[in-house]
Amino acid sequence: MLGVRATVRRLQVAGGAGVASGSMRVLHVWLPPSYGDHPDRVYPVLYMFDGQNLFEEGATQWGDWHADEIATRLISEGAIRELVIVGVPNSGAARSQEYLPYDVGRGVEPHGDAFARWFMGEVVPRVERAFRVSTRREDTAIGGSSYGSVISLHIATRYPEKFGGALLESYPPVRPKAVEASSYFDAITAWPERIRLGVGDREFGASPDNADRNAGYVAWNEALRDRMTRDGDDGVNFVVSPGALHNEQAWAERLPGALRFLFPVD
């Protein structure tokens, strides 16, 4: 792996949603190579969920996105702007509760709205006080994978004045029990200006037995793209990766393209 001349800092925050509302968790904040050399400079920022899977190889059983190595390489090549990446770890057993804003009918009580309020009231202000990150909408993006992409889009569209970009990987086909998916998306009135939507064509695995489910996963994301662009918005970058599974390796492979789209050099 590429040698990384950058820093991952730790920042403790309290709270969450659902059964995790009284918990403590530690943010993983990646600072770009020039951060320490320019004390008056502010940087664009990307907030990412499942943050324990972003930077540290071997930190979890799922692997990691190699986001630090990838961002460092792209910055050194002049391909993207320097940015700060904030990894917000999930709460473990309460992950689905926190990341779902609607009932998917799987016995999970959704607390996505409460999580969004906590994130905006605790995490974002804490980061902005501790690090030199831009507060401008056009410099701020949010993202995640699977259920992490669900809560990312939910927060981005509920707080459109804050987020100009969204990174949505493997957005899962949702079949809400209490809220129809079409009604949920039709109620969205403001989309981020830049949306990177990525999916693999083998999300459920490469077995032929999963062919129909895999096709359905892609079709769901195609429909989501169509809904995002229905009002003439051309700010959606949609990618289907041949052979890609539902895992960190696939998301890491698509990350360079996502960063180029969300944080292009001016």
Protein backbone atom coordinates (compact mmCIF):
# COMPACT_ATOMS: atom_id res chain seq x y z
CA MET A 1 0.00 0.00 0.00
CA LEU A 2 0.96 3.59 -0.62
CA GLY A 3 2.81 5.29 2.23
CA VAL A 4 0.41 7.80 3.71
CA ARG A 5 1.69 11.19 4.80
CA ALA A 6 -1.50 12.14 6.61
CA THR A 7 -3.12 11.72 9.99
CA VAL A 8 -6.14 9.94 11.41
CA ARG A 9 -7.28 11.67 14.58
CA ARG A 10 -9.79 10.39 17.12
CA LEU A 11 -12.68 12.48 18.40
CA GLN A 12 -15.10 11.16 21.02
CA VAL A 13 -18.80 11.97 20.78
CA ALA A 14 -21.73 10.99 22.97
CA GLY A 15 -25.11 9.70 21.96
CA GLY A 16 -26.85 8.18 19.00
CA ALA A 17 -30.38 6.89 18.49
CA GLY A 18 -32.55 4.01 19.65
CA VAL A 19 -30.83 1.68 22.09
CA ALA A 20 -27.54 3.45 21.29
CA SER A 21 -28.76 6.88 22.41
CA GLY A 22 -26.69 6.70 25.61
CA SER A 23 -23.53 5.37 24.00
CA MET A 24 -20.11 6.85 23.37
CA ARG A 25 -18.30 6.44 20.07
CA VAL A 26 -15.05 7.66 18.57
CA LEU A 27 -14.98 9.43 15.22
CA HIS A 28 -12.07 8.66 12.87
CA VAL A 29 -11.00 11.92 11.24
CA TRP A 30 -8.55 11.72 8.34
CA LEU A 31 -6.59 14.90 7.71
CA PRO A 32 -4.97 15.50 4.31
CA PRO A 33 -1.19 15.83 3.84
CA SER A 34 -1.06 19.64 3.91
CA TYR A 35 -3.33 20.09 6.93
CA GLY A 36 -0.53 20.80 9.40
CA ASP A 37 1.29 23.13 7.01
CA HIS A 38 -1.53 25.64 6.46
CA PRO A 39 -3.03 26.68 9.81
CA ASP A 40 -5.34 29.24 8.21
CA ARG A 41 -6.75 26.98 5.51
CA VAL A 42 -10.17 25.31 5.65
CA TYR A 43 -10.89 22.08 3.79
CA PRO A 44 -13.89 20.43 2.14
CA VAL A 45 -15.30 17.60 4.21
CA LEU A 46 -16.83 14.19 3.57
CA TYR A 47 -18.78 12.54 6.40
CA MET A 48 -18.93 8.74 6.05
CA PHE A 49 -20.92 6.16 8.00
CA ASP A 50 -19.60 2.74 9.13
CA GLY A 51 -16.49 4.79 9.80
CA GLN A 52 -14.53 1.97 11.44
CA ASN A 53 -14.26 0.37 7.98
CA LEU A 54 -12.63 3.29 6.18
CA PHE A 55 -8.97 3.54 7.10
CA GLU A 56 -7.56 0.70 9.18
CA GLU A 57 -6.83 -2.59 7.50
CA GLY A 58 -7.73 -5.43 9.85
CA ALA A 59 -9.74 -3.20 12.19
CA THR A 60 -12.91 -5.18 11.39
CA GLN A 61 -13.69 -8.53 9.84
CA TRP A 62 -15.16 -6.81 6.80
CA GLY A 63 -11.95 -5.17 5.58
CA ASP A 64 -11.66 -1.47 4.80
CA TRP A 65 -12.12 1.06 2.02
CA HIS A 66 -8.43 2.17 2.02
CA ALA A 67 -9.88 5.68 1.93
CA ASP A 68 -6.70 7.25 3.31
CA GLU A 69 -4.42 5.67 0.71
CA ILE A 70 -6.84 6.41 -2.12
CA ALA A 71 -7.39 10.03 -1.15
CA THR A 72 -3.66 10.60 -0.66
CA ARG A 73 -2.87 9.20 -4.10
CA LEU A 74 -5.54 11.27 -5.84
CA ILE A 75 -4.43 14.43 -4.05
CA SER A 76 -0.79 13.81 -5.02
CA GLU A 77 -1.88 13.37 -8.64
CA GLY A 78 -3.84 16.62 -8.56
CA ALA A 79 -7.02 14.71 -9.35
CA ILE A 80 -9.11 15.96 -6.41
CA ARG A 81 -9.13 18.78 -3.91
CA GLU A 82 -7.61 18.13 -0.52
CA LEU A 83 -10.36 17.22 1.91
CA VAL A 84 -11.05 15.98 5.42
CA ILE A 85 -12.81 12.60 5.74
CA VAL A 86 -14.82 11.98 8.91
CA GLY A 87 -15.63 8.34 9.65
CA VAL A 88 -18.63 7.95 11.96
CA PRO A 89 -18.56 4.40 13.38
CA ASN A 90 -21.77 2.45 13.56
CA SER A 91 -23.09 1.36 16.93
CA GLY A 92 -22.86 -2.38 16.32
CA ALA A 93 -26.11 -4.13 17.21
CA ALA A 94 -28.09 -0.89 16.85
CA ARG A 95 -26.78 -0.14 13.36
CA SER A 96 -30.02 -0.95 11.55
CA GLN A 97 -32.08 1.04 14.04
CA GLU A 98 -29.93 4.12 13.55
CA TYR A 99 -29.56 3.90 9.79
CA LEU A 100 -33.18 3.20 8.81
CA PRO A 101 -35.61 6.13 8.61
CA TYR A 102 -38.56 3.90 7.70
CA ASP A 103 -39.95 0.48 8.56
CA VAL A 104 -38.59 -2.24 6.27
CA GLY A 105 -40.67 -4.94 7.87
CA ARG A 106 -37.81 -6.93 9.40
CA GLY A 107 -38.57 -6.39 13.05
CA VAL A 108 -36.27 -3.36 13.25
CA GLU A 109 -37.66 -0.27 14.89
CA PRO A 110 -36.44 2.63 12.72
CA HIS A 111 -34.79 5.57 14.47
CA GLY A 112 -33.27 7.26 11.43
CA ASP A 113 -34.92 10.61 12.13
CA ALA A 114 -33.56 10.67 15.68
CA PHE A 115 -30.14 9.63 14.40
CA ALA A 116 -30.19 12.44 11.84
CA ARG A 117 -31.00 14.97 14.56
CA TRP A 118 -28.17 13.62 16.71
CA PHE A 119 -25.74 13.68 13.80
CA MET A 120 -26.59 17.28 12.92
CA GLY A 121 -26.73 18.44 16.53
CA GLU A 122 -23.70 16.64 17.94
CA VAL A 123 -21.35 15.22 15.30
CA VAL A 124 -21.24 18.04 12.75
CA PRO A 125 -20.79 20.87 15.29
CA ARG A 126 -18.16 18.85 17.16
CA VAL A 127 -16.14 18.30 14.00
CA GLU A 128 -16.47 21.92 12.93
CA ARG A 129 -15.18 23.09 16.32
CA ALA A 130 -12.25 20.67 16.39
CA PHE A 131 -11.03 20.82 12.78
CA ARG A 132 -10.71 23.39 10.03
CA VAL A 133 -13.48 22.14 7.76
CA SER A 134 -15.53 24.30 5.46
CA THR A 135 -19.14 24.95 6.45
CA ARG A 136 -20.19 25.77 2.90
CA ARG A 137 -22.79 23.50 1.34
CA GLU A 138 -20.78 23.09 -1.85
CA ASP A 139 -17.80 21.83 0.19
CA THR A 140 -19.74 19.33 2.31
CA ALA A 141 -20.73 15.78 1.34
CA ILE A 142 -22.09 12.74 3.16
CA GLY A 143 -21.96 9.06 2.28
CA GLY A 144 -22.06 5.39 3.13
CA SER A 145 -22.78 1.92 1.83
CA SER A 146 -25.81 -0.35 2.13
CA TYR A 147 -27.90 0.93 5.07
CA GLY A 148 -25.20 3.59 5.46
CA SER A 149 -26.25 4.96 2.07
CA VAL A 150 -29.89 4.99 3.20
CA ILE A 151 -29.18 7.24 6.18
CA SER A 152 -26.80 9.36 4.09
CA LEU A 153 -29.48 10.18 1.54
CA HIS A 154 -32.02 10.71 4.31
CA ILE A 155 -29.82 13.27 6.07
CA ALA A 156 -28.74 14.95 2.83
CA THR A 157 -32.33 15.49 1.72
CA ARG A 158 -33.62 16.49 5.16
CA TYR A 159 -30.84 19.05 5.58
CA PRO A 160 -30.31 20.25 1.99
CA GLU A 161 -28.89 23.55 3.18
CA LYS A 162 -25.90 21.65 4.59
CA PHE A 163 -24.97 18.98 2.04
CA GLY A 164 -24.11 19.59 -1.59
CA GLY A 165 -22.89 16.08 -2.29
CA ALA A 166 -23.78 12.47 -1.46
CA LEU A 167 -21.90 9.19 -1.96
CA LEU A 168 -24.35 6.29 -2.08
CA GLU A 169 -22.91 2.81 -2.46
CA SER A 170 -25.06 -0.30 -2.93
CA TYR A 171 -28.30 1.43 -1.91
CA PRO A 172 -30.37 -1.59 -0.86
CA PRO A 173 -33.77 -2.33 -2.37
CA VAL A 174 -36.19 -1.22 0.34
CA ARG A 175 -39.70 -2.44 0.79
CA PRO A 176 -41.01 -0.26 3.61
CA LYS A 177 -43.99 -1.68 5.46
CA ALA A 178 -45.32 1.55 6.93
CA VAL A 179 -44.17 3.86 4.13
CA GLU A 180 -44.19 2.97 0.45
CA ALA A 181 -40.82 3.54 -1.15
CA SER A 182 -42.31 5.58 -3.97
CA SER A 183 -44.06 7.90 -1.50
CA TYR A 184 -40.88 8.34 0.51
CA PHE A 185 -38.84 9.39 -2.51
CA ASP A 186 -41.63 11.48 -4.01
CA ALA A 187 -41.69 13.49 -0.77
CA ILE A 188 -38.08 14.58 -1.31
CA THR A 189 -38.07 18.15 -2.55
CA ALA A 190 -34.34 18.94 -2.57
CA TRP A 191 -31.60 16.60 -3.78
CA PRO A 192 -27.86 17.21 -3.39
CA GLU A 193 -26.29 18.90 -6.39
CA ARG A 194 -23.83 16.02 -6.82
CA ILE A 195 -24.83 12.42 -6.18
CA ARG A 196 -22.57 9.46 -6.81
CA LEU A 197 -24.69 6.29 -6.98
CA GLY A 198 -22.74 3.03 -7.29
CA VAL A 199 -23.84 -0.59 -7.40
CA GLY A 200 -22.40 -3.97 -8.38
CA ASP A 201 -24.17 -6.50 -10.56
CA ARG A 202 -23.33 -9.32 -8.11
CA GLU A 203 -24.45 -7.73 -4.85
CA PHE A 204 -25.96 -10.99 -3.56
CA GLY A 205 -23.05 -13.12 -4.75
CA ALA A 206 -21.86 -14.67 -7.99
CA SER A 207 -23.95 -17.85 -7.82
CA PRO A 208 -26.39 -18.29 -10.74
CA ASP A 209 -29.06 -18.88 -8.10
CA ASN A 210 -28.79 -15.17 -7.22
CA ALA A 211 -29.19 -13.89 -10.78
CA ASP A 212 -32.73 -12.59 -10.30
CA ARG A 213 -31.95 -10.94 -6.98
CA ASN A 214 -28.84 -9.32 -8.42
CA ALA A 215 -30.80 -8.02 -11.39
CA GLY A 216 -33.41 -6.65 -9.01
CA TYR A 217 -30.74 -4.83 -7.00
CA VAL A 218 -29.43 -3.10 -10.13
CA ALA A 219 -32.95 -2.33 -11.32
CA TRP A 220 -33.75 -0.73 -7.97
CA ASN A 221 -30.72 1.56 -8.25
CA GLU A 222 -31.61 2.40 -11.84
CA ALA A 223 -35.09 3.39 -10.68
CA LEU A 224 -33.56 5.47 -7.90
CA ARG A 225 -31.32 7.22 -10.44
CA ASP A 226 -34.36 7.91 -12.62
CA ARG A 227 -36.22 9.39 -9.67
CA MET A 228 -33.27 11.61 -8.80
CA THR A 229 -33.08 12.91 -12.37
CA ARG A 230 -36.82 13.14 -13.03
CA ASP A 231 -36.89 16.89 -12.53
CA GLY A 232 -34.04 17.46 -14.95
CA ASP A 233 -31.19 17.24 -12.44
CA ASP A 234 -28.04 16.18 -14.27
CA GLY A 235 -25.85 15.98 -11.16
CA VAL A 236 -26.11 12.20 -10.72
CA ASN A 237 -23.11 10.01 -11.54
CA PHE A 238 -24.40 6.42 -11.79
CA VAL A 239 -22.04 3.43 -11.99
CA VAL A 240 -22.77 -0.29 -12.30
CA SER A 241 -19.64 -2.38 -11.66
CA PRO A 242 -19.50 -5.77 -13.44
CA GLY A 243 -18.78 -8.62 -11.04
CA ALA A 244 -18.76 -6.39 -7.95
CA LEU A 245 -20.10 -7.83 -4.69
CA HIS A 246 -21.65 -6.20 -1.63
CA ASN A 247 -18.43 -5.57 0.29
CA GLU A 248 -15.68 -3.13 1.20
CA GLN A 249 -13.46 -4.28 -1.64
CA ALA A 250 -16.07 -3.26 -4.21
CA TRP A 251 -16.70 0.08 -2.52
CA ALA A 252 -12.96 0.77 -2.31
CA GLU A 253 -12.61 0.06 -6.03
CA ARG A 254 -15.31 2.61 -6.84
CA LEU A 255 -14.06 5.22 -4.36
CA PRO A 256 -11.53 6.95 -6.68
CA GLY A 257 -14.25 7.72 -9.20
CA ALA A 258 -16.56 8.90 -6.46
CA LEU A 259 -13.99 11.30 -5.02
CA ARG A 260 -13.17 12.66 -8.47
CA PHE A 261 -16.85 13.38 -9.04
CA LEU A 262 -17.61 14.87 -5.63
CA PHE A 263 -14.39 16.83 -5.07
CA PRO A 264 -13.06 17.80 -8.50
CA VAL A 265 -10.18 20.23 -8.80
CA ASP A 266 -11.51 23.73 -9.44
